[in-house]
N, C-alpha and C. Protein backbone atom coordinates (compact mmCIF):
# COMPACT_ATOMS: atom_id res chain seq x y z
N MET A 1 7.61 -21.83 -6.03
CA MET A 1 6.89 -20.87 -5.21
C MET A 1 6.97 -19.49 -5.85
N LYS A 2 5.84 -18.81 -5.90
CA LYS A 2 5.79 -17.48 -6.50
C LYS A 2 6.48 -16.48 -5.57
N PRO A 3 7.07 -15.43 -6.15
CA PRO A 3 7.67 -14.39 -5.31
C PRO A 3 6.59 -13.64 -4.53
N ILE A 4 7.03 -12.95 -3.51
CA ILE A 4 6.12 -12.08 -2.74
C ILE A 4 5.73 -10.92 -3.65
N LEU A 5 4.43 -10.67 -3.73
CA LEU A 5 3.93 -9.58 -4.56
C LEU A 5 3.84 -8.31 -3.73
N VAL A 6 4.46 -7.25 -4.22
CA VAL A 6 4.39 -5.93 -3.59
C VAL A 6 3.65 -5.01 -4.55
N ILE A 7 2.56 -4.41 -4.06
CA ILE A 7 1.75 -3.51 -4.89
C ILE A 7 1.81 -2.11 -4.28
N GLY A 8 2.35 -1.18 -5.02
CA GLY A 8 2.35 0.22 -4.60
C GLY A 8 1.17 0.93 -5.22
N LEU A 9 0.26 1.42 -4.39
CA LEU A 9 -0.97 2.06 -4.87
C LEU A 9 -0.82 3.58 -4.89
N GLY A 10 -1.60 4.20 -5.76
CA GLY A 10 -1.71 5.65 -5.71
C GLY A 10 -1.42 6.34 -7.02
N ASN A 11 -1.72 7.62 -7.02
CA ASN A 11 -1.54 8.46 -8.18
C ASN A 11 -0.43 9.47 -7.89
N PRO A 12 0.72 9.32 -8.53
CA PRO A 12 1.83 10.22 -8.25
C PRO A 12 1.57 11.68 -8.64
N LEU A 13 0.49 11.93 -9.38
CA LEU A 13 0.14 13.30 -9.75
C LEU A 13 -0.65 14.01 -8.66
N LYS A 14 -0.99 13.30 -7.58
CA LYS A 14 -1.79 13.87 -6.50
C LYS A 14 -1.01 13.89 -5.19
N ALA A 15 0.08 14.61 -5.20
CA ALA A 15 0.90 14.84 -4.00
C ALA A 15 1.15 13.55 -3.22
N ASP A 16 0.70 13.47 -1.97
CA ASP A 16 1.00 12.33 -1.09
C ASP A 16 0.36 11.02 -1.56
N ASP A 17 -0.63 11.10 -2.43
CA ASP A 17 -1.27 9.88 -2.93
C ASP A 17 -0.29 9.02 -3.70
N GLY A 18 0.81 9.58 -4.17
CA GLY A 18 1.80 8.83 -4.93
C GLY A 18 2.77 8.04 -4.08
N VAL A 19 2.57 8.00 -2.78
CA VAL A 19 3.54 7.35 -1.90
C VAL A 19 3.71 5.86 -2.20
N GLY A 20 2.63 5.17 -2.51
CA GLY A 20 2.73 3.73 -2.77
C GLY A 20 3.59 3.43 -3.98
N SER A 21 3.38 4.15 -5.06
CA SER A 21 4.18 3.93 -6.26
C SER A 21 5.63 4.36 -6.05
N THR A 22 5.85 5.39 -5.26
CA THR A 22 7.21 5.84 -4.98
C THR A 22 7.97 4.79 -4.18
N VAL A 23 7.32 4.22 -3.17
CA VAL A 23 7.96 3.15 -2.38
C VAL A 23 8.24 1.94 -3.28
N ALA A 24 7.29 1.60 -4.15
CA ALA A 24 7.48 0.47 -5.06
C ALA A 24 8.71 0.70 -5.94
N GLU A 25 8.86 1.90 -6.48
CA GLU A 25 10.01 2.20 -7.33
C GLU A 25 11.32 2.11 -6.55
N MET A 26 11.32 2.56 -5.31
CA MET A 26 12.53 2.48 -4.49
C MET A 26 12.88 1.03 -4.18
N LEU A 27 11.87 0.20 -3.93
CA LEU A 27 12.13 -1.23 -3.70
C LEU A 27 12.69 -1.88 -4.96
N LYS A 28 12.17 -1.52 -6.12
CA LYS A 28 12.71 -2.05 -7.38
C LYS A 28 14.19 -1.68 -7.53
N ALA A 29 14.52 -0.44 -7.21
CA ALA A 29 15.89 0.03 -7.35
C ALA A 29 16.84 -0.72 -6.43
N LYS A 30 16.34 -1.17 -5.29
CA LYS A 30 17.18 -1.92 -4.35
C LYS A 30 17.33 -3.39 -4.76
N GLN A 31 16.54 -3.82 -5.75
CA GLN A 31 16.59 -5.18 -6.27
C GLN A 31 16.51 -6.22 -5.16
N ALA A 32 15.54 -6.03 -4.28
CA ALA A 32 15.35 -6.98 -3.18
C ALA A 32 14.95 -8.34 -3.76
N PRO A 33 15.67 -9.40 -3.41
CA PRO A 33 15.37 -10.72 -3.96
C PRO A 33 14.03 -11.26 -3.44
N GLY A 34 13.37 -12.05 -4.27
CA GLY A 34 12.13 -12.70 -3.86
C GLY A 34 10.90 -11.84 -3.92
N LEU A 35 11.02 -10.63 -4.50
CA LEU A 35 9.88 -9.73 -4.58
C LEU A 35 9.52 -9.47 -6.04
N GLU A 36 8.23 -9.47 -6.32
CA GLU A 36 7.73 -8.97 -7.59
C GLU A 36 7.01 -7.67 -7.26
N ILE A 37 7.44 -6.57 -7.86
CA ILE A 37 6.97 -5.25 -7.46
C ILE A 37 6.24 -4.59 -8.61
N ILE A 38 5.01 -4.13 -8.33
CA ILE A 38 4.24 -3.43 -9.35
C ILE A 38 3.62 -2.18 -8.74
N SER A 39 3.29 -1.24 -9.61
CA SER A 39 2.55 -0.04 -9.20
C SER A 39 1.16 -0.13 -9.82
N ASN A 40 0.19 0.44 -9.12
CA ASN A 40 -1.19 0.43 -9.58
C ASN A 40 -1.81 1.75 -9.17
N ARG A 41 -2.63 2.31 -10.02
CA ARG A 41 -3.27 3.60 -9.71
C ARG A 41 -4.19 3.52 -8.51
N GLY A 42 -4.50 2.31 -8.05
CA GLY A 42 -5.26 2.19 -6.82
C GLY A 42 -6.70 1.85 -6.98
N GLU A 43 -7.10 1.36 -8.13
CA GLU A 43 -8.48 0.92 -8.27
C GLU A 43 -8.62 -0.38 -7.50
N GLY A 44 -9.36 -0.32 -6.42
CA GLY A 44 -9.46 -1.43 -5.48
C GLY A 44 -9.91 -2.73 -6.08
N LEU A 45 -10.82 -2.69 -7.04
CA LEU A 45 -11.33 -3.93 -7.60
C LEU A 45 -10.27 -4.66 -8.42
N ASP A 46 -9.23 -3.96 -8.87
CA ASP A 46 -8.12 -4.61 -9.58
C ASP A 46 -7.29 -5.48 -8.64
N LEU A 47 -7.29 -5.16 -7.37
CA LEU A 47 -6.40 -5.84 -6.43
C LEU A 47 -6.63 -7.35 -6.38
N MET A 48 -7.89 -7.75 -6.35
CA MET A 48 -8.16 -9.19 -6.25
C MET A 48 -7.58 -9.96 -7.44
N SER A 49 -7.64 -9.39 -8.63
CA SER A 49 -7.05 -10.08 -9.77
C SER A 49 -5.52 -10.04 -9.71
N LEU A 50 -4.95 -8.98 -9.17
CA LEU A 50 -3.50 -8.89 -9.04
C LEU A 50 -2.94 -9.92 -8.06
N TRP A 51 -3.66 -10.14 -6.95
CA TRP A 51 -3.10 -11.06 -5.95
C TRP A 51 -3.67 -12.48 -6.05
N ALA A 52 -4.48 -12.75 -7.05
CA ALA A 52 -5.04 -14.10 -7.22
C ALA A 52 -3.91 -15.13 -7.32
N GLY A 53 -4.03 -16.18 -6.53
CA GLY A 53 -3.05 -17.26 -6.55
C GLY A 53 -1.76 -16.96 -5.81
N ARG A 54 -1.69 -15.81 -5.14
CA ARG A 54 -0.47 -15.45 -4.40
C ARG A 54 -0.59 -15.88 -2.95
N ASP A 55 0.53 -16.28 -2.39
CA ASP A 55 0.57 -16.70 -1.00
C ASP A 55 0.80 -15.51 -0.06
N LYS A 56 1.69 -14.61 -0.48
CA LYS A 56 2.06 -13.47 0.37
C LYS A 56 2.06 -12.20 -0.46
N VAL A 57 1.33 -11.18 0.03
CA VAL A 57 1.18 -9.91 -0.69
C VAL A 57 1.37 -8.76 0.28
N LEU A 58 2.06 -7.72 -0.18
CA LEU A 58 2.20 -6.47 0.55
C LEU A 58 1.60 -5.37 -0.30
N VAL A 59 0.78 -4.51 0.31
CA VAL A 59 0.19 -3.38 -0.40
C VAL A 59 0.60 -2.11 0.35
N ILE A 60 1.02 -1.11 -0.42
CA ILE A 60 1.49 0.16 0.15
C ILE A 60 0.58 1.27 -0.37
N ASP A 61 0.11 2.13 0.54
CA ASP A 61 -0.79 3.19 0.14
C ASP A 61 -0.69 4.36 1.12
N ALA A 62 -1.20 5.49 0.70
CA ALA A 62 -1.35 6.64 1.61
C ALA A 62 -2.50 6.32 2.56
N ILE A 63 -2.44 6.88 3.75
CA ILE A 63 -3.45 6.60 4.77
C ILE A 63 -3.82 7.90 5.47
N ARG A 64 -5.05 7.95 5.97
CA ARG A 64 -5.51 9.10 6.76
C ARG A 64 -6.12 8.59 8.06
N SER A 65 -5.43 8.85 9.15
CA SER A 65 -5.93 8.38 10.45
C SER A 65 -5.92 9.47 11.51
N ASN A 66 -5.60 10.67 11.10
CA ASN A 66 -5.43 11.79 12.02
C ASN A 66 -4.17 11.68 12.86
N SER A 67 -3.24 10.82 12.44
CA SER A 67 -1.92 10.77 13.07
C SER A 67 -1.07 11.88 12.45
N MET A 68 0.12 12.04 12.97
CA MET A 68 1.04 13.03 12.42
C MET A 68 1.41 12.64 10.99
N PRO A 69 1.45 13.60 10.07
CA PRO A 69 1.88 13.28 8.70
C PRO A 69 3.25 12.60 8.72
N GLY A 70 3.37 11.55 7.91
CA GLY A 70 4.61 10.79 7.84
C GLY A 70 4.63 9.57 8.75
N THR A 71 3.63 9.42 9.63
CA THR A 71 3.58 8.26 10.51
C THR A 71 3.44 6.98 9.68
N LEU A 72 4.20 5.95 10.05
CA LEU A 72 4.12 4.66 9.37
C LEU A 72 3.08 3.78 10.04
N HIS A 73 2.35 3.02 9.22
CA HIS A 73 1.32 2.10 9.71
C HIS A 73 1.55 0.74 9.05
N ARG A 74 1.22 -0.33 9.78
CA ARG A 74 1.31 -1.69 9.24
C ARG A 74 0.13 -2.49 9.78
N PHE A 75 -0.56 -3.19 8.87
CA PHE A 75 -1.71 -4.01 9.26
C PHE A 75 -1.55 -5.42 8.70
N GLU A 76 -1.91 -6.40 9.49
CA GLU A 76 -1.95 -7.78 9.04
C GLU A 76 -3.39 -8.08 8.63
N ALA A 77 -3.70 -7.76 7.38
CA ALA A 77 -5.08 -7.82 6.90
C ALA A 77 -5.60 -9.25 6.78
N HIS A 78 -4.69 -10.22 6.73
CA HIS A 78 -5.12 -11.62 6.65
C HIS A 78 -5.71 -12.12 7.96
N SER A 79 -5.38 -11.45 9.06
CA SER A 79 -5.82 -11.95 10.36
C SER A 79 -6.91 -11.12 11.03
N SER A 80 -7.13 -9.90 10.54
CA SER A 80 -8.19 -9.08 11.14
C SER A 80 -8.69 -8.05 10.13
N PRO A 81 -9.92 -7.59 10.30
CA PRO A 81 -10.48 -6.60 9.36
C PRO A 81 -9.65 -5.32 9.32
N VAL A 82 -9.66 -4.71 8.16
CA VAL A 82 -8.94 -3.46 7.95
C VAL A 82 -9.82 -2.31 8.40
N PRO A 83 -9.31 -1.41 9.21
CA PRO A 83 -10.12 -0.25 9.63
C PRO A 83 -10.50 0.61 8.42
N THR A 84 -11.77 0.57 8.05
CA THR A 84 -12.20 1.30 6.85
C THR A 84 -12.10 2.81 7.02
N ASN A 85 -12.07 3.28 8.24
CA ASN A 85 -11.93 4.73 8.43
C ASN A 85 -10.52 5.21 8.11
N LEU A 86 -9.55 4.31 8.01
CA LEU A 86 -8.18 4.70 7.70
C LEU A 86 -7.91 4.69 6.20
N PHE A 87 -8.24 3.59 5.55
CA PHE A 87 -8.03 3.47 4.12
C PHE A 87 -9.30 3.79 3.35
N GLY A 88 -10.38 4.06 4.06
CA GLY A 88 -11.67 4.27 3.41
C GLY A 88 -11.81 5.59 2.71
N ARG A 89 -11.22 6.64 3.25
CA ARG A 89 -11.28 7.95 2.60
C ARG A 89 -10.15 7.98 1.59
N SER A 90 -10.52 7.73 0.35
CA SER A 90 -9.51 7.48 -0.66
C SER A 90 -9.79 8.28 -1.91
N THR A 91 -8.75 8.44 -2.72
CA THR A 91 -8.93 9.04 -4.03
C THR A 91 -9.30 7.97 -5.04
N HIS A 92 -9.38 6.73 -4.62
CA HIS A 92 -9.71 5.62 -5.50
C HIS A 92 -11.22 5.40 -5.49
N THR A 93 -11.74 4.79 -6.56
CA THR A 93 -13.17 4.52 -6.66
C THR A 93 -13.63 3.59 -5.54
N VAL A 94 -12.94 2.47 -5.40
CA VAL A 94 -13.19 1.53 -4.31
C VAL A 94 -11.92 1.52 -3.48
N SER A 95 -12.02 1.76 -2.19
CA SER A 95 -10.83 1.91 -1.36
C SER A 95 -10.13 0.58 -1.12
N LEU A 96 -8.91 0.67 -0.68
CA LEU A 96 -8.13 -0.51 -0.32
C LEU A 96 -8.86 -1.32 0.74
N ALA A 97 -9.35 -0.66 1.78
CA ALA A 97 -10.05 -1.38 2.86
C ALA A 97 -11.29 -2.10 2.33
N GLU A 98 -12.06 -1.43 1.48
CA GLU A 98 -13.25 -2.06 0.91
C GLU A 98 -12.87 -3.27 0.06
N SER A 99 -11.80 -3.16 -0.70
CA SER A 99 -11.34 -4.27 -1.53
C SER A 99 -10.92 -5.47 -0.69
N VAL A 100 -10.19 -5.20 0.37
CA VAL A 100 -9.73 -6.28 1.24
C VAL A 100 -10.92 -6.97 1.88
N GLU A 101 -11.87 -6.20 2.37
CA GLU A 101 -13.00 -6.82 3.05
C GLU A 101 -13.92 -7.56 2.08
N LEU A 102 -14.02 -7.09 0.85
CA LEU A 102 -14.77 -7.82 -0.17
C LEU A 102 -14.07 -9.15 -0.47
N ALA A 103 -12.76 -9.10 -0.64
CA ALA A 103 -11.99 -10.32 -0.88
C ALA A 103 -12.12 -11.29 0.29
N ARG A 104 -12.13 -10.77 1.50
CA ARG A 104 -12.30 -11.63 2.68
C ARG A 104 -13.66 -12.33 2.62
N ALA A 105 -14.71 -11.57 2.30
CA ALA A 105 -16.07 -12.13 2.24
C ALA A 105 -16.19 -13.18 1.15
N LEU A 106 -15.43 -13.01 0.06
CA LEU A 106 -15.49 -13.95 -1.06
C LEU A 106 -14.47 -15.09 -0.93
N GLY A 107 -13.70 -15.07 0.16
CA GLY A 107 -12.68 -16.11 0.35
C GLY A 107 -11.52 -15.98 -0.64
N GLN A 108 -11.17 -14.75 -1.02
CA GLN A 108 -10.12 -14.53 -2.01
C GLN A 108 -8.94 -13.73 -1.49
N LEU A 109 -8.72 -13.75 -0.18
CA LEU A 109 -7.54 -13.09 0.37
C LEU A 109 -6.32 -13.99 0.20
N PRO A 110 -5.15 -13.40 -0.02
CA PRO A 110 -3.93 -14.21 0.04
C PRO A 110 -3.77 -14.76 1.47
N ARG A 111 -3.00 -15.82 1.61
CA ARG A 111 -2.78 -16.40 2.94
C ARG A 111 -2.19 -15.36 3.89
N LEU A 112 -1.26 -14.56 3.39
CA LEU A 112 -0.65 -13.47 4.17
C LEU A 112 -0.81 -12.17 3.38
N LEU A 113 -1.47 -11.19 3.99
CA LEU A 113 -1.69 -9.90 3.34
C LEU A 113 -1.33 -8.79 4.32
N PHE A 114 -0.28 -8.07 4.01
CA PHE A 114 0.19 -6.97 4.85
C PHE A 114 -0.06 -5.65 4.15
N LEU A 115 -0.63 -4.70 4.87
CA LEU A 115 -0.87 -3.37 4.34
C LEU A 115 0.07 -2.39 5.05
N TYR A 116 0.77 -1.61 4.27
CA TYR A 116 1.66 -0.58 4.82
C TYR A 116 1.12 0.77 4.38
N GLY A 117 1.09 1.71 5.29
CA GLY A 117 0.62 3.04 4.95
C GLY A 117 1.52 4.11 5.53
N ILE A 118 1.57 5.23 4.85
CA ILE A 118 2.22 6.43 5.38
C ILE A 118 1.12 7.47 5.53
N GLU A 119 1.06 8.04 6.71
CA GLU A 119 0.06 9.08 6.98
C GLU A 119 0.27 10.25 6.03
N ALA A 120 -0.75 10.53 5.24
CA ALA A 120 -0.69 11.57 4.22
C ALA A 120 -1.43 12.82 4.68
N VAL A 121 -1.11 13.93 4.03
CA VAL A 121 -1.75 15.19 4.40
C VAL A 121 -2.29 15.94 3.18
N ASP A 122 -1.71 15.72 2.00
CA ASP A 122 -2.07 16.51 0.83
C ASP A 122 -2.34 15.61 -0.37
N PHE A 123 -3.53 15.74 -0.97
CA PHE A 123 -3.90 14.96 -2.14
C PHE A 123 -4.24 15.89 -3.32
N THR A 124 -3.65 17.06 -3.34
CA THR A 124 -3.92 18.06 -4.36
C THR A 124 -3.31 17.65 -5.69
N LEU A 125 -4.11 17.69 -6.73
CA LEU A 125 -3.64 17.37 -8.08
C LEU A 125 -2.55 18.35 -8.49
N GLY A 126 -1.41 17.82 -8.91
CA GLY A 126 -0.32 18.65 -9.38
C GLY A 126 0.62 19.16 -8.31
N ALA A 127 0.30 18.91 -7.04
CA ALA A 127 1.16 19.39 -5.95
C ALA A 127 2.30 18.40 -5.71
N ASP A 128 3.39 18.91 -5.13
CA ASP A 128 4.50 18.06 -4.73
C ASP A 128 4.12 17.29 -3.47
N MET A 129 4.77 16.16 -3.28
CA MET A 129 4.57 15.37 -2.07
C MET A 129 4.99 16.19 -0.86
N SER A 130 4.25 16.08 0.24
CA SER A 130 4.58 16.83 1.44
C SER A 130 5.90 16.35 2.03
N GLU A 131 6.58 17.24 2.72
CA GLU A 131 7.89 16.91 3.29
C GLU A 131 7.83 15.77 4.32
N PRO A 132 6.85 15.72 5.23
CA PRO A 132 6.82 14.60 6.18
C PRO A 132 6.65 13.25 5.49
N VAL A 133 5.87 13.21 4.44
CA VAL A 133 5.69 11.95 3.69
C VAL A 133 6.97 11.60 2.96
N ARG A 134 7.56 12.56 2.31
CA ARG A 134 8.82 12.33 1.59
C ARG A 134 9.90 11.77 2.54
N GLN A 135 9.99 12.33 3.73
CA GLN A 135 10.99 11.88 4.70
C GLN A 135 10.69 10.49 5.24
N ALA A 136 9.43 10.08 5.26
CA ALA A 136 9.06 8.76 5.79
C ALA A 136 9.30 7.63 4.79
N ILE A 137 9.37 7.95 3.52
CA ILE A 137 9.49 6.91 2.49
C ILE A 137 10.71 6.01 2.69
N PRO A 138 11.93 6.53 2.86
CA PRO A 138 13.08 5.62 3.05
C PRO A 138 12.93 4.73 4.29
N LYS A 139 12.29 5.25 5.33
CA LYS A 139 12.06 4.44 6.53
C LYS A 139 11.13 3.28 6.22
N LEU A 140 10.09 3.53 5.43
CA LEU A 140 9.16 2.46 5.08
C LEU A 140 9.84 1.44 4.17
N VAL A 141 10.64 1.89 3.23
CA VAL A 141 11.37 0.97 2.36
C VAL A 141 12.23 0.03 3.20
N GLU A 142 12.97 0.57 4.15
CA GLU A 142 13.82 -0.26 5.01
C GLU A 142 12.99 -1.20 5.88
N LYS A 143 11.85 -0.72 6.37
CA LYS A 143 10.96 -1.56 7.20
C LYS A 143 10.45 -2.75 6.38
N ILE A 144 10.07 -2.51 5.14
CA ILE A 144 9.57 -3.60 4.30
C ILE A 144 10.68 -4.61 4.03
N ILE A 145 11.87 -4.15 3.70
CA ILE A 145 12.99 -5.05 3.46
C ILE A 145 13.30 -5.86 4.71
N GLU A 146 13.29 -5.21 5.86
CA GLU A 146 13.52 -5.89 7.14
C GLU A 146 12.44 -6.95 7.39
N ASP A 147 11.18 -6.59 7.15
CA ASP A 147 10.08 -7.54 7.37
C ASP A 147 10.17 -8.75 6.44
N MET A 148 10.76 -8.59 5.27
CA MET A 148 10.84 -9.69 4.32
C MET A 148 11.97 -10.67 4.65
N ARG A 149 12.85 -10.28 5.55
CA ARG A 149 13.97 -11.17 5.93
C ARG A 149 13.51 -12.27 6.81
C-alpha cells in the first residue's frame, strides 16, 4: 500500500501563500510515519498527476473565505464539491478548487481527498508571513497528525 500523500501548495515568496509548503516542511521534520510529503508551487493541473494512483491524499493551501486570518479549514473533497469561492481566488494559474472539480468530472479523484486551509490575509511578493497565519501553522500540523492516527 502506498503511503498517504501530503501536498503543501503555495509560493513561500508571497507571504501567506507559503503556508502549504511551510506545513509540509514541518510535517517532514516530525517524520510522521506513513506519509509521503511534497511541496508544490500550486499549479493546479499538476495535482492530478501527483495524486494519480493514490488512495489517500491531503492538500494544504492558503484560503480566503472572509474568516478571521489564521482560521483553520478542512474539507472532505472526495465526498462533496469544493467551494470555489474559497480556494478559487488564488495566486495559482488554475486553483485548487478548479483542479479538484476537474478531477472529479474526469473520474480521477483519489478515494479519499482532504483539503486543509489556513485563512490567509497577505499575498504580497517578498513580504513575511502574517502573524495570525504563522501562529496557526503548528495547530494545523498537529491537526493533520491527529487526523492520520
